[in-house]
Amino acid sequence: MLAVGMVIVVIGFLLMSGAGSTAEQYNPDIFSARRIKVAPVVCFFGFISMIYAVMRKPKDKAVEKSEKKEEVA
């Protein structure tokens, strides 16, 4: 799950990339909706999913089985 979050973050940074403006030539694409709105939101969701992957407590199947046996007995 951590790797999926990292891939989402990389996709967000790729969406932000592109040609920039120089002193001689102005490129209006640096203010496109993809770079200003979409890419940061994608990165945000990627970082949130990475935080969730780190904080999530994995389920231990051995503990669940022993708890079910205790409930039956």
PDB file of N, CA and C in Angstrom:
ATOM      1  N   MET A   1       0.829  -1.187   0.000  1.00  0.00           N
ATOM      2  CA  MET A   1       0.000   0.000   0.000  1.00  0.00           C
ATOM      3  C   MET A   1       0.882   1.262   0.000  1.00  0.00           C
ATOM      4  N   LEU A   2       2.016   1.149   0.646  1.00  0.00           N
ATOM      5  CA  LEU A   2       2.951   2.271   0.668  1.00  0.00           C
ATOM      6  C   LEU A   2       3.486   2.549  -0.733  1.00  0.00           C
ATOM      7  N   ALA A   3       3.751   1.502  -1.482  1.00  0.00           N
ATOM      8  CA  ALA A   3       4.257   1.663  -2.848  1.00  0.00           C
ATOM      9  C   ALA A   3       3.207   2.307  -3.745  1.00  0.00           C
ATOM     10  N   VAL A   4       1.955   1.967  -3.549  1.00  0.00           N
ATOM     11  CA  VAL A   4       0.883   2.582  -4.343  1.00  0.00           C
ATOM     12  C   VAL A   4       0.816   4.076  -4.059  1.00  0.00           C
ATOM     13  N   GLY A   5       0.929   4.465  -2.809  1.00  0.00           N
ATOM     14  CA  GLY A   5       0.941   5.881  -2.458  1.00  0.00           C
ATOM     15  C   GLY A   5       2.108   6.614  -3.086  1.00  0.00           C
ATOM     16  N   MET A   6       3.259   5.964  -3.099  1.00  0.00           N
ATOM     17  CA  MET A   6       4.440   6.582  -3.709  1.00  0.00           C
ATOM     18  C   MET A   6       4.257   6.755  -5.210  1.00  0.00           C
ATOM     19  N   VAL A   7       3.634   5.779  -5.867  1.00  0.00           N
ATOM     20  CA  VAL A   7       3.363   5.893  -7.302  1.00  0.00           C
ATOM     21  C   VAL A   7       2.405   7.050  -7.571  1.00  0.00           C
ATOM     22  N   ILE A   8       1.415   7.225  -6.722  1.00  0.00           N
ATOM     23  CA  ILE A   8       0.468   8.336  -6.888  1.00  0.00           C
ATOM     24  C   ILE A   8       1.195   9.674  -6.746  1.00  0.00           C
ATOM     25  N   VAL A   9       2.100   9.778  -5.796  1.00  0.00           N
ATOM     26  CA  VAL A   9       2.864  11.013  -5.613  1.00  0.00           C
ATOM     27  C   VAL A   9       3.736  11.281  -6.847  1.00  0.00           C
ATOM     28  N   VAL A  10       4.378  10.250  -7.361  1.00  0.00           N
ATOM     29  CA  VAL A  10       5.220  10.422  -8.557  1.00  0.00           C
ATOM     30  C   VAL A  10       4.370  10.871  -9.740  1.00  0.00           C
ATOM     31  N   ILE A  11       3.181  10.310  -9.888  1.00  0.00           N
ATOM     32  CA  ILE A  11       2.282  10.737 -10.967  1.00  0.00           C
ATOM     33  C   ILE A  11       1.919  12.207 -10.797  1.00  0.00           C
ATOM     34  N   GLY A  12       1.663  12.633  -9.570  1.00  0.00           N
ATOM     35  CA  GLY A  12       1.364  14.038  -9.318  1.00  0.00           C
ATOM     36  C   GLY A  12       2.508  14.954  -9.707  1.00  0.00           C
ATOM     37  N   PHE A  13       3.733  14.549  -9.377  1.00  0.00           N
ATOM     38  CA  PHE A  13       4.887  15.369  -9.752  1.00  0.00           C
ATOM     39  C   PHE A  13       5.098  15.372 -11.259  1.00  0.00           C
ATOM     40  N   LEU A  14       4.816  14.261 -11.920  1.00  0.00           N
ATOM     41  CA  LEU A  14       4.921  14.237 -13.375  1.00  0.00           C
ATOM     42  C   LEU A  14       3.887  15.161 -14.021  1.00  0.00           C
ATOM     43  N   LEU A  15       2.700  15.235 -13.412  1.00  0.00           N
ATOM     44  CA  LEU A  15       1.683  16.154 -13.925  1.00  0.00           C
ATOM     45  C   LEU A  15       2.113  17.611 -13.769  1.00  0.00           C
ATOM     46  N   MET A  16       2.913  17.896 -12.752  1.00  0.00           N
ATOM     47  CA  MET A  16       3.397  19.260 -12.532  1.00  0.00           C
ATOM     48  C   MET A  16       4.521  19.639 -13.488  1.00  0.00           C
ATOM     49  N   SER A  17       5.199  18.662 -14.032  1.00  0.00           N
ATOM     50  CA  SER A  17       6.370  18.959 -14.851  1.00  0.00           C
ATOM     51  C   SER A  17       5.978  19.496 -16.223  1.00  0.00           C
ATOM     52  N   GLY A  18       6.936  20.095 -16.857  1.00  0.00           N
ATOM     53  CA  GLY A  18       6.737  20.628 -18.206  1.00  0.00           C
ATOM     54  C   GLY A  18       7.708  21.753 -18.462  1.00  0.00           C
ATOM     55  N   ALA A  19       7.597  22.311 -19.636  1.00  0.00           N
ATOM     56  CA  ALA A  19       8.490  23.412 -20.013  1.00  0.00           C
ATOM     57  C   ALA A  19       8.171  24.652 -19.188  1.00  0.00           C
ATOM     58  N   GLY A  20       9.193  25.375 -18.833  1.00  0.00           N
ATOM     59  CA  GLY A  20       9.029  26.590 -18.055  1.00  0.00           C
ATOM     60  C   GLY A  20       9.166  27.821 -18.925  1.00  0.00           C
ATOM     61  N   SER A  21       9.063  28.966 -18.313  1.00  0.00           N
ATOM     62  CA  SER A  21       9.251  30.222 -19.025  1.00  0.00           C
ATOM     63  C   SER A  21      10.701  30.660 -18.901  1.00  0.00           C
ATOM     64  N   THR A  22      11.151  31.374 -19.889  1.00  0.00           N
ATOM     65  CA  THR A  22      12.494  31.946 -19.862  1.00  0.00           C
ATOM     66  C   THR A  22      12.375  33.461 -19.936  1.00  0.00           C
ATOM     67  N   ALA A  23      13.496  34.130 -19.812  1.00  0.00           N
ATOM     68  CA  ALA A  23      13.483  35.593 -19.892  1.00  0.00           C
ATOM     69  C   ALA A  23      13.105  36.068 -21.293  1.00  0.00           C
ATOM     70  N   GLU A  24      13.429  35.254 -22.304  1.00  0.00           N
ATOM     71  CA  GLU A  24      13.135  35.652 -23.677  1.00  0.00           C
ATOM     72  C   GLU A  24      11.731  35.257 -24.134  1.00  0.00           C
ATOM     73  N   GLN A  25      11.204  34.178 -23.571  1.00  0.00           N
ATOM     74  CA  GLN A  25       9.924  33.670 -24.039  1.00  0.00           C
ATOM     75  C   GLN A  25       9.036  33.315 -22.847  1.00  0.00           C
ATOM     76  N   TYR A  26       7.802  33.814 -22.875  1.00  0.00           N
ATOM     77  CA  TYR A  26       6.822  33.524 -21.823  1.00  0.00           C
ATOM     78  C   TYR A  26       5.994  32.310 -22.242  1.00  0.00           C
ATOM     79  N   ASN A  27       5.831  31.361 -21.328  1.00  0.00           N
ATOM     80  CA  ASN A  27       5.043  30.162 -21.603  1.00  0.00           C
ATOM     81  C   ASN A  27       3.817  30.181 -20.691  1.00  0.00           C
ATOM     82  N   PRO A  28       2.625  30.447 -21.228  1.00  0.00           N
ATOM     83  CA  PRO A  28       1.427  30.506 -20.375  1.00  0.00           C
ATOM     84  C   PRO A  28       1.008  29.146 -19.825  1.00  0.00           C
ATOM     85  N   ASP A  29       1.609  28.064 -20.324  1.00  0.00           N
ATOM     86  CA  ASP A  29       1.246  26.728 -19.847  1.00  0.00           C
ATOM     87  C   ASP A  29       1.660  26.497 -18.392  1.00  0.00           C
ATOM     88  N   ILE A  30       2.537  27.349 -17.856  1.00  0.00           N
ATOM     89  CA  ILE A  30       2.938  27.145 -16.458  1.00  0.00           C
ATOM     90  C   ILE A  30       1.793  27.425 -15.490  1.00  0.00           C
ATOM     91  N   PHE A  31       0.753  28.089 -15.958  1.00  0.00           N
ATOM     92  CA  PHE A  31      -0.407  28.374 -15.116  1.00  0.00           C
ATOM     93  C   PHE A  31      -1.620  27.544 -15.529  1.00  0.00           C
ATOM     94  N   SER A  32      -1.419  26.392 -16.166  1.00  0.00           N
ATOM     95  CA  SER A  32      -2.535  25.545 -16.587  1.00  0.00           C
ATOM     96  C   SER A  32      -3.198  24.901 -15.371  1.00  0.00           C
ATOM     97  N   ALA A  33      -4.435  24.511 -15.540  1.00  0.00           N
ATOM     98  CA  ALA A  33      -5.190  23.877 -14.449  1.00  0.00           C
ATOM     99  C   ALA A  33      -4.553  22.562 -14.028  1.00  0.00           C
ATOM    100  N   ARG A  34      -3.940  21.875 -14.970  1.00  0.00           N
ATOM    101  CA  ARG A  34      -3.286  20.610 -14.649  1.00  0.00           C
ATOM    102  C   ARG A  34      -2.157  20.825 -13.654  1.00  0.00           C
ATOM    103  N   ARG A  35      -1.362  21.863 -13.866  1.00  0.00           N
ATOM    104  CA  ARG A  35      -0.204  22.115 -12.997  1.00  0.00           C
ATOM    105  C   ARG A  35      -0.595  22.786 -11.683  1.00  0.00           C
ATOM    106  N   ILE A  36      -1.586  23.632 -11.710  1.00  0.00           N
ATOM    107  CA  ILE A  36      -1.931  24.426 -10.527  1.00  0.00           C
ATOM    108  C   ILE A  36      -2.952  23.726  -9.626  1.00  0.00           C
ATOM    109  N   LYS A  37      -3.894  22.981 -10.201  1.00  0.00           N
ATOM    110  CA  LYS A  37      -4.971  22.398  -9.396  1.00  0.00           C
ATOM    111  C   LYS A  37      -4.919  20.880  -9.315  1.00  0.00           C
ATOM    112  N   VAL A  38      -4.796  20.214 -10.455  1.00  0.00           N
ATOM    113  CA  VAL A  38      -4.917  18.759 -10.483  1.00  0.00           C
ATOM    114  C   VAL A  38      -3.700  18.082  -9.841  1.00  0.00           C
ATOM    115  N   ALA A  39      -2.517  18.467 -10.243  1.00  0.00           N
ATOM    116  CA  ALA A  39      -1.304  17.809  -9.753  1.00  0.00           C
ATOM    117  C   ALA A  39      -1.125  17.920  -8.236  1.00  0.00           C
ATOM    118  N   PRO A  40      -1.330  19.088  -7.626  1.00  0.00           N
ATOM    119  CA  PRO A  40      -1.201  19.132  -6.158  1.00  0.00           C
ATOM    120  C   PRO A  40      -2.235  18.271  -5.435  1.00  0.00           C
ATOM    121  N   VAL A  41      -3.434  18.164  -5.977  1.00  0.00           N
ATOM    122  CA  VAL A  41      -4.458  17.315  -5.355  1.00  0.00           C
ATOM    123  C   VAL A  41      -4.058  15.850  -5.460  1.00  0.00           C
ATOM    124  N   VAL A  42      -3.531  15.449  -6.615  1.00  0.00           N
ATOM    125  CA  VAL A  42      -3.069  14.068  -6.782  1.00  0.00           C
ATOM    126  C   VAL A  42      -1.939  13.775  -5.798  1.00  0.00           C
ATOM    127  N   CYS A  43      -0.988  14.685  -5.673  1.00  0.00           N
ATOM    128  CA  CYS A  43       0.106  14.501  -4.710  1.00  0.00           C
ATOM    129  C   CYS A  43      -0.424  14.421  -3.280  1.00  0.00           C
ATOM    130  N   PHE A  44      -1.385  15.251  -2.949  1.00  0.00           N
ATOM    131  CA  PHE A  44      -1.975  15.254  -1.610  1.00  0.00           C
ATOM    132  C   PHE A  44      -2.584  13.893  -1.290  1.00  0.00           C
ATOM    133  N   PHE A  45      -3.376  13.349  -2.227  1.00  0.00           N
ATOM    134  CA  PHE A  45      -3.974  12.032  -1.994  1.00  0.00           C
ATOM    135  C   PHE A  45      -2.906  10.945  -1.899  1.00  0.00           C
ATOM    136  N   GLY A  46      -1.830  11.092  -2.647  1.00  0.00           N
ATOM    137  CA  GLY A  46      -0.731  10.146  -2.544  1.00  0.00           C
ATOM    138  C   GLY A  46      -0.082  10.188  -1.172  1.00  0.00           C
ATOM    139  N   PHE A  47       0.162  11.389  -0.662  1.00  0.00           N
ATOM    140  CA  PHE A  47       0.761  11.522   0.668  1.00  0.00           C
ATOM    141  C   PHE A  47      -0.186  11.015   1.754  1.00  0.00           C
ATOM    142  N   ILE A  48      -1.474  11.283   1.611  1.00  0.00           N
ATOM    143  CA  ILE A  48      -2.454  10.790   2.588  1.00  0.00           C
ATOM    144  C   ILE A  48      -2.485   9.262   2.584  1.00  0.00           C
ATOM    145  N   SER A  49      -2.451   8.651   1.397  1.00  0.00           N
ATOM    146  CA  SER A  49      -2.462   7.190   1.340  1.00  0.00           C
ATOM    147  C   SER A  49      -1.173   6.605   1.913  1.00  0.00           C
ATOM    148  N   MET A  50      -0.056   7.293   1.760  1.00  0.00           N
ATOM    149  CA  MET A  50       1.190   6.823   2.362  1.00  0.00           C
ATOM    150  C   MET A  50       1.131   6.916   3.881  1.00  0.00           C
ATOM    151  N   ILE A  51       0.576   7.983   4.402  1.00  0.00           N
ATOM    152  CA  ILE A  51       0.427   8.126   5.853  1.00  0.00           C
ATOM    153  C   ILE A  51      -0.485   7.029   6.395  1.00  0.00           C
ATOM    154  N   TYR A  52      -1.571   6.764   5.674  1.00  0.00           N
ATOM    155  CA  TYR A  52      -2.487   5.699   6.101  1.00  0.00           C
ATOM    156  C   TYR A  52      -1.781   4.345   6.098  1.00  0.00           C
ATOM    157  N   ALA A  53      -0.965   4.099   5.073  1.00  0.00           N
ATOM    158  CA  ALA A  53      -0.256   2.823   4.988  1.00  0.00           C
ATOM    159  C   ALA A  53       0.719   2.643   6.147  1.00  0.00           C
ATOM    160  N   VAL A  54       1.332   3.730   6.583  1.00  0.00           N
ATOM    161  CA  VAL A  54       2.276   3.643   7.698  1.00  0.00           C
ATOM    162  C   VAL A  54       1.535   3.487   9.023  1.00  0.00           C
ATOM    163  N   MET A  55       0.417   4.176   9.188  1.00  0.00           N
ATOM    164  CA  MET A  55      -0.297   4.177  10.466  1.00  0.00           C
ATOM    165  C   MET A  55      -1.205   2.963  10.659  1.00  0.00           C
ATOM    166  N   ARG A  56      -1.591   2.321   9.571  1.00  0.00           N
ATOM    167  CA  ARG A  56      -2.535   1.209   9.640  1.00  0.00           C
ATOM    168  C   ARG A  56      -1.916   0.027  10.376  1.00  0.00           C
ATOM    169  N   LYS A  57      -2.685  -0.552  11.267  1.00  0.00           N
ATOM    170  CA  LYS A  57      -2.220  -1.722  12.005  1.00  0.00           C
ATOM    171  C   LYS A  57      -2.659  -2.961  11.229  1.00  0.00           C
ATOM    172  N   PRO A  58      -1.704  -3.788  10.817  1.00  0.00           N
ATOM    173  CA  PRO A  58      -2.085  -4.979  10.039  1.00  0.00           C
ATOM    174  C   PRO A  58      -2.844  -5.983  10.901  1.00  0.00           C
ATOM    175  N   LYS A  59      -3.765  -6.669  10.268  1.00  0.00           N
ATOM    176  CA  LYS A  59      -4.526  -7.684  10.985  1.00  0.00           C
ATOM    177  C   LYS A  59      -3.670  -8.928  11.143  1.00  0.00           C
ATOM    178  N   ASP A  60      -3.661  -9.461  12.346  1.00  0.00           N
ATOM    179  CA  ASP A  60      -2.897 -10.671  12.628  1.00  0.00           C
ATOM    180  C   ASP A  60      -3.876 -11.840  12.640  1.00  0.00           C
ATOM    181  N   LYS A  61      -3.756 -12.713  11.668  1.00  0.00           N
ATOM    182  CA  LYS A  61      -4.709 -13.817  11.534  1.00  0.00           C
ATOM    183  C   LYS A  61      -4.607 -14.812  12.679  1.00  0.00           C
ATOM    184  N   ALA A  62      -3.430 -15.021  13.231  1.00  0.00           N
ATOM    185  CA  ALA A  62      -3.271 -15.960  14.342  1.00  0.00           C
ATOM    186  C   ALA A  62      -4.012 -15.461  15.576  1.00  0.00           C
ATOM    187  N   VAL A  63      -3.957 -14.174  15.826  1.00  0.00           N
ATOM    188  CA  VAL A  63      -4.658 -13.607  16.981  1.00  0.00           C
ATOM    189  C   VAL A  63      -6.167 -13.701  16.774  1.00  0.00           C
ATOM    190  N   GLU A  64      -6.636 -13.451  15.553  1.00  0.00           N
ATOM    191  CA  GLU A  64      -8.067 -13.533  15.282  1.00  0.00           C
ATOM    192  C   GLU A  64      -8.583 -14.953  15.489  1.00  0.00           C
ATOM    193  N   LYS A  65      -7.821 -15.964  15.055  1.00  0.00           N
ATOM    194  CA  LYS A  65      -8.237 -17.344  15.212  1.00  0.00           C
ATOM    195  C   LYS A  65      -8.325 -17.714  16.680  1.00  0.00           C
ATOM    196  N   SER A  66      -7.349 -17.290  17.491  1.00  0.00           N
ATOM    197  CA  SER A  66      -7.377 -17.625  18.911  1.00  0.00           C
ATOM    198  C   SER A  66      -8.522 -16.903  19.627  1.00  0.00           C
ATOM    199  N   GLU A  67      -8.837 -15.689  19.187  1.00  0.00           N
ATOM    200  CA  GLU A  67      -9.966 -14.965  19.787  1.00  0.00           C
ATOM    201  C   GLU A  67     -11.283 -15.645  19.450  1.00  0.00           C
ATOM    202  N   LYS A  68     -11.412 -16.159  18.224  1.00  0.00           N
ATOM    203  CA  LYS A  68     -12.651 -16.857  17.838  1.00  0.00           C
ATOM    204  C   LYS A  68     -12.797 -18.148  18.621  1.00  0.00           C
ATOM    205  N   LYS A  69     -11.697 -18.860  18.863  1.00  0.00           N
ATOM    206  CA  LYS A  69     -11.750 -20.086  19.638  1.00  0.00           C
ATOM    207  C   LYS A  69     -12.174 -19.810  21.075  1.00  0.00           C
ATOM    208  N   GLU A  70     -11.692 -18.694  21.646  1.00  0.00           N
ATOM    209  CA  GLU A  70     -12.061 -18.332  23.018  1.00  0.00           C
ATOM    210  C   GLU A  70     -13.530 -17.963  23.104  1.00  0.00           C
ATOM    211  N   GLU A  71     -14.071 -17.330  22.053  1.00  0.00           N
ATOM    212  CA  GLU A  71     -15.487 -16.946  22.069  1.00  0.00           C
ATOM    213  C   GLU A  71     -16.388 -18.171  22.008  1.00  0.00           C
ATOM    214  N   VAL A  72     -15.978 -19.176  21.258  1.00  0.00           N
ATOM    215  CA  VAL A  72     -16.778 -20.401  21.120  1.00  0.00           C
ATOM    216  C   VAL A  72     -16.764 -21.200  22.401  1.00  0.00           C
ATOM    217  N   ALA A  73     -15.638 -21.253  23.080  1.00  0.00           N
ATOM    218  CA  ALA A  73     -15.500 -22.073  24.283  1.00  0.00           C
ATOM    219  C   ALA A  73     -16.213 -21.508  25.460  1.00  0.00           C
TER     220      ALA A  73
END
